[in-house]
Amino acid sequence: ESAISPASDSEKAAFLHEIRDIVTAFGFSLHIVPLERAYYSDTVDEAAARQQLVDAFAALKSLTAQEDLRVILRNRVLAACARDLGVSDVLVGDCATTLSTRVLSSTSKGHGARTAAELMPRAVLDNDGPVYALRSLRELSDRELALYSRACGFRTAFLPSFSTMANTDASIDILTEDFVQRMQNDYPLSVHTIIRACERLAYRPEEFFVPAAAPSARPFEVCELCATALDAREPDLVPFTGASLSLDDTDRASANQRLAVCRLTGLARE
């Protein structure tokens, strides 16, 4: 995500070097892929894709919208890389604190339909499938993971993002994270209570994944960005020009095609 990071070039290079050292020490193979890979196509090279990514974030006026777009692009890149490597499951670092924050912020932004999917130990990573996200750390809080990492002497690496050091009320996600952290200070079990309560929601993967070879099998439209099922009768839906934000969907989004995107993502405006 260096293209949208405020860090200097030297800080970015040092971060990548640190990541390589950490991964190599554990004996894992390493694949470093830029976030702008979501924009790659036969007609868009690496430099053009990087500029499109920067322009897309610059066009979004709220930090909430920028954070939503980052998550969407990250999931698409992870899923695309997994398919290229022949991998069906991607292990992600979502812990209980992260997930409880996400479900509360998603609900407040109108993404409640995906709440159950966000909490599943194994859930569809994006709506192109079939790649799944595995959340093996979902039972542990961020503090428990921090203490364990410190006790084991694990090395860490950090690269500041565009939301680092932002004010508490700068975005819905940051505000919700602050609320969850404060609640966790006073009521340590509150994070797990949120997780347990939301686990009771029904998870229907067919609402978020239909094979690309059979798009007609989907009985409804889905948001081309957040993959949430849409009701075209709702006034909170706006048409979105595919050419404005092509997410490596050249087969689905041409310059003349208009895609259905929910306004509540914050990424589309009338």
Protein backbone atom coordinates (compact mmCIF):
# COMPACT_ATOMS: atom_id res chain seq x y z
CA GLU A 1 0.00 0.00 0.00
CA SER A 2 3.02 2.26 -0.44
CA ALA A 3 1.33 4.23 -3.23
CA ILE A 4 -1.13 5.75 -0.75
CA SER A 5 1.16 5.88 2.28
CA PRO A 6 2.47 9.26 3.49
CA ALA A 7 5.80 7.64 4.44
CA SER A 8 9.00 8.63 2.66
CA ASP A 9 10.64 6.41 0.05
CA SER A 10 13.36 5.44 2.52
CA GLU A 11 10.78 4.44 5.12
CA LYS A 12 8.92 2.34 2.57
CA ALA A 13 12.15 0.61 1.48
CA ALA A 14 13.10 -0.08 5.10
CA PHE A 15 9.63 -1.49 5.79
CA LEU A 16 9.84 -3.92 2.85
CA HIS A 17 13.34 -4.96 3.89
CA GLU A 18 12.12 -5.67 7.43
CA ILE A 19 9.18 -7.69 6.12
CA ARG A 20 11.50 -9.80 3.96
CA ASP A 21 13.77 -10.51 6.91
CA ILE A 22 10.87 -11.49 9.18
CA VAL A 23 9.24 -13.81 6.65
CA THR A 24 12.55 -15.36 5.61
CA ALA A 25 13.41 -16.11 9.25
CA PHE A 26 10.29 -18.28 9.49
CA GLY A 27 11.06 -20.08 6.23
CA PHE A 28 8.00 -18.91 4.32
CA SER A 29 7.93 -17.88 0.69
CA LEU A 30 7.16 -14.19 0.20
CA HIS A 31 4.98 -12.51 -2.42
CA ILE A 32 4.89 -8.70 -2.33
CA VAL A 33 2.09 -7.29 -4.46
CA PRO A 34 1.15 -3.59 -4.73
CA LEU A 35 -2.39 -2.47 -4.00
CA GLU A 36 -2.64 -1.00 -7.51
CA ARG A 37 -2.64 -4.53 -8.89
CA ALA A 38 -6.43 -4.27 -8.64
CA TYR A 39 -6.24 -1.90 -11.61
CA TYR A 40 -3.98 -4.00 -13.82
CA SER A 41 -5.32 -5.01 -17.21
CA ASP A 42 -4.09 -5.61 -20.75
CA THR A 43 -4.34 -1.88 -21.43
CA VAL A 44 -3.18 -0.54 -18.04
CA ASP A 45 0.47 -0.91 -17.08
CA GLU A 46 1.98 -0.66 -13.60
CA ALA A 47 2.66 3.09 -13.73
CA ALA A 48 -0.82 3.89 -15.02
CA ALA A 49 -2.43 1.62 -12.44
CA ARG A 50 -0.51 3.33 -9.66
CA GLN A 51 -1.70 6.72 -10.85
CA GLN A 52 -5.30 5.48 -11.08
CA LEU A 53 -5.07 4.28 -7.48
CA VAL A 54 -3.74 7.63 -6.28
CA ASP A 55 -6.41 9.50 -8.26
CA ALA A 56 -9.19 7.28 -6.90
CA PHE A 57 -8.22 7.99 -3.29
CA ALA A 58 -7.77 11.69 -4.01
CA ALA A 59 -11.29 11.83 -5.46
CA LEU A 60 -12.82 10.50 -2.24
CA LYS A 61 -13.54 13.37 0.12
CA SER A 62 -14.06 11.45 3.37
CA LEU A 63 -11.62 9.26 5.28
CA THR A 64 -14.39 6.71 5.80
CA ALA A 65 -14.76 6.25 2.04
CA GLN A 66 -11.00 5.95 1.60
CA GLU A 67 -10.79 3.27 4.28
CA ASP A 68 -13.67 1.36 2.68
CA LEU A 69 -11.99 1.47 -0.71
CA ARG A 70 -8.70 0.26 0.75
CA VAL A 71 -10.40 -2.80 2.26
CA ILE A 72 -12.20 -3.58 -0.99
CA LEU A 73 -9.06 -3.29 -3.10
CA ARG A 74 -7.00 -5.29 -0.59
CA ASN A 75 -9.50 -8.16 -0.65
CA ARG A 76 -9.55 -8.14 -4.45
CA VAL A 77 -5.77 -8.21 -4.66
CA LEU A 78 -5.52 -11.01 -2.10
CA ALA A 79 -8.14 -13.06 -3.93
CA ALA A 80 -6.52 -12.46 -7.34
CA CYS A 81 -3.09 -13.47 -6.05
CA ALA A 82 -4.55 -16.56 -4.39
CA ARG A 83 -6.13 -17.62 -7.67
CA ASP A 84 -2.83 -17.04 -9.51
CA LEU A 85 -1.03 -19.23 -6.96
CA GLY A 86 -3.71 -21.92 -7.04
CA VAL A 87 -4.67 -21.27 -3.41
CA SER A 88 -8.25 -21.56 -2.19
CA ASP A 89 -7.81 -20.17 1.34
CA VAL A 90 -6.07 -17.04 2.60
CA LEU A 91 -5.09 -16.75 6.26
CA VAL A 92 -5.85 -13.22 7.47
CA GLY A 93 -4.90 -11.55 10.76
CA ASP A 94 -8.37 -10.51 11.91
CA CYS A 95 -8.63 -10.79 15.71
CA ALA A 96 -11.66 -10.43 17.99
CA THR A 97 -11.06 -6.72 18.53
CA THR A 98 -10.73 -6.05 14.80
CA LEU A 99 -13.84 -8.06 13.97
CA SER A 100 -16.02 -6.50 16.66
CA THR A 101 -14.97 -3.05 15.49
CA ARG A 102 -15.67 -3.98 11.88
CA VAL A 103 -19.16 -5.34 12.45
CA LEU A 104 -20.21 -2.28 14.46
CA SER A 105 -18.82 0.17 11.91
CA SER A 106 -20.23 -1.83 8.99
CA THR A 107 -23.67 -1.83 10.56
CA SER A 108 -23.54 1.92 11.14
CA LYS A 109 -22.58 2.40 7.47
CA GLY A 110 -25.47 0.27 6.25
CA HIS A 111 -23.49 -2.90 5.50
CA GLY A 112 -25.34 -5.05 7.99
CA ALA A 113 -26.06 -7.69 5.36
CA ARG A 114 -22.40 -8.72 5.44
CA THR A 115 -22.07 -8.83 9.24
CA ALA A 116 -22.40 -12.61 9.47
CA ALA A 117 -19.88 -13.12 6.68
CA GLU A 118 -17.37 -10.82 8.39
CA LEU A 119 -17.34 -13.04 11.48
CA MET A 120 -17.23 -16.52 9.99
CA PRO A 121 -14.02 -18.53 10.57
CA ARG A 122 -14.07 -19.26 6.83
CA ALA A 123 -15.90 -16.90 4.50
CA VAL A 124 -15.80 -15.79 0.88
CA LEU A 125 -13.09 -13.17 0.42
CA ASP A 126 -14.63 -11.43 -2.59
CA ASN A 127 -17.62 -11.86 -4.86
CA ASP A 128 -15.60 -13.31 -7.74
CA GLY A 129 -14.68 -16.43 -5.69
CA PRO A 130 -13.87 -19.13 -4.99
CA VAL A 131 -11.29 -17.84 -2.51
CA TYR A 132 -11.95 -17.89 1.22
CA ALA A 133 -10.57 -15.92 4.16
CA LEU A 134 -9.54 -17.96 7.20
CA ARG A 135 -9.71 -16.15 10.55
CA SER A 136 -7.81 -18.33 12.99
CA LEU A 137 -7.23 -15.45 15.44
CA ARG A 138 -10.87 -14.49 15.85
CA GLU A 139 -11.02 -15.76 19.45
CA LEU A 140 -8.11 -13.58 20.63
CA SER A 141 -8.11 -9.86 21.40
CA ASP A 142 -5.47 -7.48 20.11
CA ARG A 143 -4.02 -7.16 23.61
CA GLU A 144 -3.66 -10.91 23.99
CA LEU A 145 -1.86 -11.08 20.66
CA ALA A 146 0.40 -8.16 21.60
CA LEU A 147 1.35 -9.80 24.90
CA TYR A 148 2.03 -13.13 23.21
CA SER A 149 4.15 -11.50 20.52
CA ARG A 150 6.15 -9.60 23.12
CA ALA A 151 6.65 -12.70 25.26
CA CYS A 152 7.89 -14.66 22.25
CA GLY A 153 10.09 -11.83 21.05
CA PHE A 154 8.49 -11.60 17.62
CA ARG A 155 9.74 -8.81 15.38
CA THR A 156 7.22 -6.39 13.92
CA ALA A 157 7.19 -3.86 11.09
CA PHE A 158 5.10 -0.74 10.70
CA LEU A 159 4.33 1.55 7.79
CA PRO A 160 2.10 4.59 8.44
CA SER A 161 -1.04 4.86 6.34
CA PHE A 162 -3.17 7.85 5.37
CA SER A 163 -5.28 7.30 8.51
CA THR A 164 -2.38 7.05 10.98
CA MET A 165 -2.61 9.65 13.78
CA ALA A 166 -6.00 10.85 12.52
CA ASN A 167 -8.44 12.39 14.97
CA THR A 168 -10.85 10.07 16.73
CA ASP A 169 -13.83 11.49 14.84
CA ALA A 170 -12.05 11.51 11.45
CA SER A 171 -13.92 8.44 10.22
CA ILE A 172 -16.58 5.97 11.30
CA ASP A 173 -14.01 3.17 11.56
CA ILE A 174 -11.65 5.15 13.79
CA LEU A 175 -14.49 6.39 15.98
CA THR A 176 -15.83 2.85 16.37
CA GLU A 177 -12.37 1.50 17.13
CA ASP A 178 -11.95 4.08 19.88
CA PHE A 179 -15.36 3.14 21.31
CA VAL A 180 -14.51 -0.59 21.33
CA GLN A 181 -11.13 0.03 22.94
CA ARG A 182 -12.66 2.17 25.69
CA MET A 183 -15.36 -0.42 26.30
CA GLN A 184 -12.74 -3.16 26.44
CA ASN A 185 -10.84 -1.21 29.11
CA ASP A 186 -13.85 -1.20 31.42
CA TYR A 187 -15.46 -4.48 30.34
CA PRO A 188 -12.82 -6.92 29.07
CA LEU A 189 -15.37 -9.46 27.81
CA SER A 190 -17.34 -6.94 25.76
CA VAL A 191 -15.43 -7.70 22.54
CA HIS A 192 -16.20 -11.40 22.75
CA THR A 193 -19.81 -10.61 23.64
CA ILE A 194 -20.19 -8.66 20.40
CA ILE A 195 -18.71 -11.56 18.45
CA ARG A 196 -20.99 -14.12 20.10
CA ALA A 197 -24.09 -12.00 19.55
CA CYS A 198 -23.38 -11.45 15.86
CA GLU A 199 -22.53 -15.12 15.32
CA ARG A 200 -26.22 -15.90 15.67
CA LEU A 201 -26.93 -14.13 12.39
CA ALA A 202 -27.45 -16.47 9.46
CA TYR A 203 -24.62 -16.63 6.92
CA ARG A 204 -25.74 -17.41 3.37
CA PRO A 205 -22.67 -17.45 1.10
CA GLU A 206 -24.88 -17.74 -1.98
CA GLU A 207 -25.79 -14.10 -1.43
CA PHE A 208 -22.21 -13.03 -1.97
CA PHE A 209 -20.76 -15.55 -4.39
CA VAL A 210 -21.98 -16.81 -7.73
CA PRO A 211 -19.40 -18.30 -10.12
CA ALA A 212 -18.36 -15.89 -12.85
CA ALA A 213 -19.29 -18.50 -15.43
CA ALA A 214 -22.93 -18.39 -14.30
CA PRO A 215 -23.82 -14.75 -13.53
CA SER A 216 -27.46 -15.39 -14.43
CA ALA A 217 -27.68 -17.74 -11.43
CA ARG A 218 -27.62 -14.75 -9.10
CA PRO A 219 -31.27 -13.76 -8.46
CA PHE A 220 -30.33 -10.20 -7.54
CA GLU A 221 -27.80 -7.50 -8.22
CA VAL A 222 -24.79 -7.06 -6.00
CA CYS A 223 -22.79 -3.92 -5.36
CA GLU A 224 -19.79 -4.02 -7.67
CA LEU A 225 -17.63 -2.58 -4.91
CA CYS A 226 -18.65 -4.04 -1.54
CA ALA A 227 -20.44 -7.14 -2.96
CA THR A 228 -23.54 -6.59 -0.83
CA ALA A 229 -26.85 -7.76 -2.28
CA LEU A 230 -28.85 -4.83 -3.65
CA ASP A 231 -32.52 -4.07 -3.87
CA ALA A 232 -32.91 -1.88 -6.95
CA ARG A 233 -36.13 -0.47 -5.54
CA GLU A 234 -34.31 1.20 -2.70
CA PRO A 235 -33.53 4.91 -3.10
CA ASP A 236 -30.11 4.42 -1.47
CA LEU A 237 -28.75 2.94 -4.70
CA VAL A 238 -27.07 5.07 -7.31
CA PRO A 239 -25.71 4.19 -10.75
CA PHE A 240 -21.95 4.17 -10.98
CA THR A 241 -19.95 4.58 -14.17
CA GLY A 242 -17.52 1.70 -14.50
CA ALA A 243 -14.99 3.90 -16.27
CA SER A 244 -14.76 6.14 -13.21
CA LEU A 245 -13.25 3.44 -11.02
CA SER A 246 -12.23 0.35 -12.96
CA LEU A 247 -11.25 -2.35 -10.47
CA ASP A 248 -9.66 -4.70 -12.97
CA ASP A 249 -13.14 -5.56 -14.23
CA THR A 250 -12.61 -4.80 -17.90
CA ASP A 251 -14.88 -7.67 -18.89
CA ARG A 252 -17.73 -6.42 -16.72
CA ALA A 253 -17.21 -2.69 -16.73
CA SER A 254 -16.78 -0.88 -20.00
CA ALA A 255 -16.80 2.85 -20.50
CA ASN A 256 -20.49 2.78 -21.39
CA GLN A 257 -21.64 0.35 -18.71
CA ARG A 258 -23.22 1.62 -15.51
CA LEU A 259 -22.85 -0.50 -12.41
CA ALA A 260 -25.13 -0.64 -9.40
CA VAL A 261 -23.35 0.64 -6.31
CA CYS A 262 -24.89 1.27 -2.93
CA ARG A 263 -24.60 4.86 -1.81
CA LEU A 264 -23.90 3.75 1.72
CA THR A 265 -20.39 2.63 0.76
CA GLY A 266 -19.54 6.30 0.58
CA LEU A 267 -17.75 5.67 -2.71
CA ALA A 268 -20.46 6.93 -5.04
CA ARG A 269 -22.32 10.17 -5.01
CA GLU A 270 -25.10 11.54 -7.17
